[in-house]
Amino acid sequence: MKSKVTLKEMVGTKIIYAMLLVFYYWMWARRDWHTYYTTIQDTVIMFTIIFFVLEAWRIYKYSKEEKDELAIQNLRRVDAIGLKLMIAAMIIIAFACAVGAITGSTAGYALVGAILVLAVIRLILFSVMDSKGI
């Protein structure tokens, strides 16, 4: 396989990292138990191991390739926008906790959900900026 690893692919895999974070938070924070949870946990753990091995290989391959400077600049712009969005989300979640609108467990789900949403927004913004050559 001689295909190049693109920066868009590297940004897209961050969504998988965020989904894994959501799954692991759910495994740690839940209060109930069903028999099928063991199957879900084992599946997530096996996927995580396989994903990390494949991702390490892709990162190694990407590090040997020539970098696209415009794409890196676009990624920096997207990360700056993402930081501002994440700060706004954290302020909203913290304020909701402070006034008692949400519980600690709900705040945890809101935090990992915000990370997942931010990863998706990051990929969309990067794809749009990279395709337009901004």
C-alpha atoms as a PDB file:
ATOM      1  CA  MET A   1       0.000   0.000   0.000  1.00  0.00           C
ATOM      2  CA  LYS A   2       1.696   3.180  -1.224  1.00  0.00           C
ATOM      3  CA  SER A   3      -0.984   5.718  -0.312  1.00  0.00           C
ATOM      4  CA  LYS A   4       0.127   8.817   1.541  1.00  0.00           C
ATOM      5  CA  VAL A   5      -1.168   9.633   4.979  1.00  0.00           C
ATOM      6  CA  THR A   6      -2.905  13.006   4.823  1.00  0.00           C
ATOM      7  CA  LEU A   7      -3.279  15.563   7.559  1.00  0.00           C
ATOM      8  CA  LYS A   8      -7.051  15.342   7.059  1.00  0.00           C
ATOM      9  CA  GLU A   9      -6.875  11.651   7.954  1.00  0.00           C
ATOM     10  CA  MET A  10      -4.827  12.450  11.048  1.00  0.00           C
ATOM     11  CA  VAL A  11      -7.391  15.063  12.121  1.00  0.00           C
ATOM     12  CA  GLY A  12     -10.251  12.646  11.403  1.00  0.00           C
ATOM     13  CA  THR A  13      -8.838   9.989  13.700  1.00  0.00           C
ATOM     14  CA  LYS A  14      -9.217  12.399  16.599  1.00  0.00           C
ATOM     15  CA  ILE A  15     -12.959  11.697  16.351  1.00  0.00           C
ATOM     16  CA  ILE A  16     -12.235   8.051  17.128  1.00  0.00           C
ATOM     17  CA  TYR A  17     -10.142   9.115  20.125  1.00  0.00           C
ATOM     18  CA  ALA A  18     -13.064  11.241  21.333  1.00  0.00           C
ATOM     19  CA  MET A  19     -15.543   8.380  20.843  1.00  0.00           C
ATOM     20  CA  LEU A  20     -13.259   6.083  22.831  1.00  0.00           C
ATOM     21  CA  LEU A  21     -13.171   8.702  25.594  1.00  0.00           C
ATOM     22  CA  VAL A  22     -16.983   8.775  25.645  1.00  0.00           C
ATOM     23  CA  PHE A  23     -17.169   4.975  25.827  1.00  0.00           C
ATOM     24  CA  TYR A  24     -14.597   4.785  28.611  1.00  0.00           C
ATOM     25  CA  TYR A  25     -16.328   7.536  30.577  1.00  0.00           C
ATOM     26  CA  TRP A  26     -19.609   5.654  30.223  1.00  0.00           C
ATOM     27  CA  MET A  27     -17.903   2.489  31.493  1.00  0.00           C
ATOM     28  CA  TRP A  28     -16.499   4.302  34.529  1.00  0.00           C
ATOM     29  CA  ALA A  29     -19.464   6.530  35.422  1.00  0.00           C
ATOM     30  CA  ARG A  30     -22.506   4.326  34.999  1.00  0.00           C
ATOM     31  CA  ARG A  31     -24.492   3.261  38.052  1.00  0.00           C
ATOM     32  CA  ASP A  32     -26.325   0.219  36.699  1.00  0.00           C
ATOM     33  CA  TRP A  33     -25.216  -3.130  35.315  1.00  0.00           C
ATOM     34  CA  HIS A  34     -26.555  -5.397  32.593  1.00  0.00           C
ATOM     35  CA  THR A  35     -25.053  -8.653  31.390  1.00  0.00           C
ATOM     36  CA  TYR A  36     -24.366  -7.316  27.895  1.00  0.00           C
ATOM     37  CA  TYR A  37     -22.129  -4.547  29.300  1.00  0.00           C
ATOM     38  CA  THR A  38     -19.271  -7.050  29.534  1.00  0.00           C
ATOM     39  CA  THR A  39     -19.493  -7.684  25.792  1.00  0.00           C
ATOM     40  CA  ILE A  40     -19.498  -3.957  25.053  1.00  0.00           C
ATOM     41  CA  GLN A  41     -16.506  -3.392  27.344  1.00  0.00           C
ATOM     42  CA  ASP A  42     -14.495  -6.246  25.833  1.00  0.00           C
ATOM     43  CA  THR A  43     -15.275  -5.019  22.315  1.00  0.00           C
ATOM     44  CA  VAL A  44     -14.228  -1.452  23.137  1.00  0.00           C
ATOM     45  CA  ILE A  45     -11.004  -2.629  24.775  1.00  0.00           C
ATOM     46  CA  MET A  46     -10.061  -4.860  21.823  1.00  0.00           C
ATOM     47  CA  PHE A  47     -10.892  -2.074  19.358  1.00  0.00           C
ATOM     48  CA  THR A  48      -8.760   0.353  21.388  1.00  0.00           C
ATOM     49  CA  ILE A  49      -5.736  -1.948  21.335  1.00  0.00           C
ATOM     50  CA  ILE A  50      -6.022  -2.633  17.596  1.00  0.00           C
ATOM     51  CA  PHE A  51      -6.687   1.043  16.835  1.00  0.00           C
ATOM     52  CA  PHE A  52      -3.653   2.238  18.812  1.00  0.00           C
ATOM     53  CA  VAL A  53      -1.363  -0.228  17.043  1.00  0.00           C
ATOM     54  CA  LEU A  54      -2.647   0.792  13.593  1.00  0.00           C
ATOM     55  CA  GLU A  55      -2.553   4.478  14.508  1.00  0.00           C
ATOM     56  CA  ALA A  56       1.049   4.222  15.716  1.00  0.00           C
ATOM     57  CA  TRP A  57       1.978   2.728  12.351  1.00  0.00           C
ATOM     58  CA  ARG A  58       0.141   5.516  10.477  1.00  0.00           C
ATOM     59  CA  ILE A  59       1.808   8.232  12.587  1.00  0.00           C
ATOM     60  CA  TYR A  60       5.198   6.673  11.941  1.00  0.00           C
ATOM     61  CA  LYS A  61       4.433   6.609   8.214  1.00  0.00           C
ATOM     62  CA  TYR A  62       3.173  10.227   8.300  1.00  0.00           C
ATOM     63  CA  SER A  63       6.331  11.418  10.068  1.00  0.00           C
ATOM     64  CA  LYS A  64       8.434  10.211   7.121  1.00  0.00           C
ATOM     65  CA  GLU A  65       6.386  12.077   4.498  1.00  0.00           C
ATOM     66  CA  GLU A  66       6.732  15.630   3.254  1.00  0.00           C
ATOM     67  CA  LYS A  67       4.467  18.039   5.126  1.00  0.00           C
ATOM     68  CA  ASP A  68       1.874  20.323   3.506  1.00  0.00           C
ATOM     69  CA  GLU A  69       2.613  23.748   4.981  1.00  0.00           C
ATOM     70  CA  LEU A  70      -0.741  25.269   3.975  1.00  0.00           C
ATOM     71  CA  ALA A  71      -2.606  22.400   5.632  1.00  0.00           C
ATOM     72  CA  ILE A  72      -0.567  22.843   8.803  1.00  0.00           C
ATOM     73  CA  GLN A  73      -1.408  26.577   8.823  1.00  0.00           C
ATOM     74  CA  ASN A  74      -5.100  25.759   8.365  1.00  0.00           C
ATOM     75  CA  LEU A  75      -4.941  23.259  11.211  1.00  0.00           C
ATOM     76  CA  ARG A  76      -3.457  25.914  13.489  1.00  0.00           C
ATOM     77  CA  ARG A  77      -6.312  28.286  12.603  1.00  0.00           C
ATOM     78  CA  VAL A  78      -8.893  25.566  13.235  1.00  0.00           C
ATOM     79  CA  ASP A  79      -7.261  24.719  16.570  1.00  0.00           C
ATOM     80  CA  ALA A  80      -7.463  28.384  17.617  1.00  0.00           C
ATOM     81  CA  ILE A  81     -11.180  28.425  16.785  1.00  0.00           C
ATOM     82  CA  GLY A  82     -11.635  25.106  18.589  1.00  0.00           C
ATOM     83  CA  LEU A  83      -9.943  26.441  21.715  1.00  0.00           C
ATOM     84  CA  LYS A  84     -12.387  29.330  21.838  1.00  0.00           C
ATOM     85  CA  LEU A  85     -15.347  26.973  21.359  1.00  0.00           C
ATOM     86  CA  MET A  86     -14.095  24.637  24.086  1.00  0.00           C
ATOM     87  CA  ILE A  87     -13.603  27.500  26.528  1.00  0.00           C
ATOM     88  CA  ALA A  88     -17.188  28.638  25.887  1.00  0.00           C
ATOM     89  CA  ALA A  89     -18.489  25.092  26.413  1.00  0.00           C
ATOM     90  CA  MET A  90     -16.540  24.701  29.664  1.00  0.00           C
ATOM     91  CA  ILE A  91     -17.856  28.010  30.983  1.00  0.00           C
ATOM     92  CA  ILE A  92     -21.429  26.960  30.216  1.00  0.00           C
ATOM     93  CA  ILE A  93     -20.963  23.540  31.862  1.00  0.00           C
ATOM     94  CA  ALA A  94     -19.239  25.052  34.919  1.00  0.00           C
ATOM     95  CA  PHE A  95     -21.978  27.664  35.329  1.00  0.00           C
ATOM     96  CA  ALA A  96     -24.683  25.002  34.994  1.00  0.00           C
ATOM     97  CA  CYS A  97     -22.971  22.983  37.742  1.00  0.00           C
ATOM     98  CA  ALA A  98     -22.554  26.029  39.964  1.00  0.00           C
ATOM     99  CA  VAL A  99     -26.234  26.943  39.886  1.00  0.00           C
ATOM    100  CA  GLY A 100     -27.283  23.325  40.341  1.00  0.00           C
ATOM    101  CA  ALA A 101     -28.850  22.903  36.918  1.00  0.00           C
ATOM    102  CA  ILE A 102     -26.871  19.714  36.282  1.00  0.00           C
ATOM    103  CA  THR A 103     -25.261  17.098  38.527  1.00  0.00           C
ATOM    104  CA  GLY A 104     -21.627  16.067  38.538  1.00  0.00           C
ATOM    105  CA  SER A 105     -22.317  12.936  36.506  1.00  0.00           C
ATOM    106  CA  THR A 106     -24.239  14.921  33.920  1.00  0.00           C
ATOM    107  CA  ALA A 107     -21.420  17.455  33.799  1.00  0.00           C
ATOM    108  CA  GLY A 108     -18.993  14.634  33.043  1.00  0.00           C
ATOM    109  CA  TYR A 109     -21.133  13.447  30.167  1.00  0.00           C
ATOM    110  CA  ALA A 110     -21.410  17.045  28.958  1.00  0.00           C
ATOM    111  CA  LEU A 111     -17.617  17.407  29.055  1.00  0.00           C
ATOM    112  CA  VAL A 112     -16.870  14.261  27.077  1.00  0.00           C
ATOM    113  CA  GLY A 113     -19.751  15.081  24.731  1.00  0.00           C
ATOM    114  CA  ALA A 114     -18.282  18.541  24.161  1.00  0.00           C
ATOM    115  CA  ILE A 115     -14.933  16.956  23.329  1.00  0.00           C
ATOM    116  CA  LEU A 116     -16.609  14.642  20.799  1.00  0.00           C
ATOM    117  CA  VAL A 117     -18.572  17.491  19.215  1.00  0.00           C
ATOM    118  CA  LEU A 118     -15.436  19.635  19.071  1.00  0.00           C
ATOM    119  CA  ALA A 119     -13.533  16.833  17.291  1.00  0.00           C
ATOM    120  CA  VAL A 120     -16.269  16.632  14.654  1.00  0.00           C
ATOM    121  CA  ILE A 121     -16.386  20.430  14.254  1.00  0.00           C
ATOM    122  CA  ARG A 122     -12.591  20.474  13.978  1.00  0.00           C
ATOM    123  CA  LEU A 123     -12.648  17.968  11.116  1.00  0.00           C
ATOM    124  CA  ILE A 124     -15.432  19.838   9.301  1.00  0.00           C
ATOM    125  CA  LEU A 125     -13.724  23.226   9.658  1.00  0.00           C
ATOM    126  CA  PHE A 126     -10.370  21.806   8.600  1.00  0.00           C
ATOM    127  CA  SER A 127     -11.911  20.088   5.578  1.00  0.00           C
ATOM    128  CA  VAL A 128     -13.645  23.280   4.462  1.00  0.00           C
ATOM    129  CA  MET A 129     -10.585  25.458   4.985  1.00  0.00           C
ATOM    130  CA  ASP A 130      -8.253  22.953   3.335  1.00  0.00           C
ATOM    131  CA  SER A 131     -10.501  22.435   0.301  1.00  0.00           C
ATOM    132  CA  LYS A 132     -10.820  26.196  -0.285  1.00  0.00           C
ATOM    133  CA  GLY A 133      -7.102  26.758   0.182  1.00  0.00           C
ATOM    134  CA  ILE A 134      -7.618  29.507   2.743  1.00  0.00           C
END
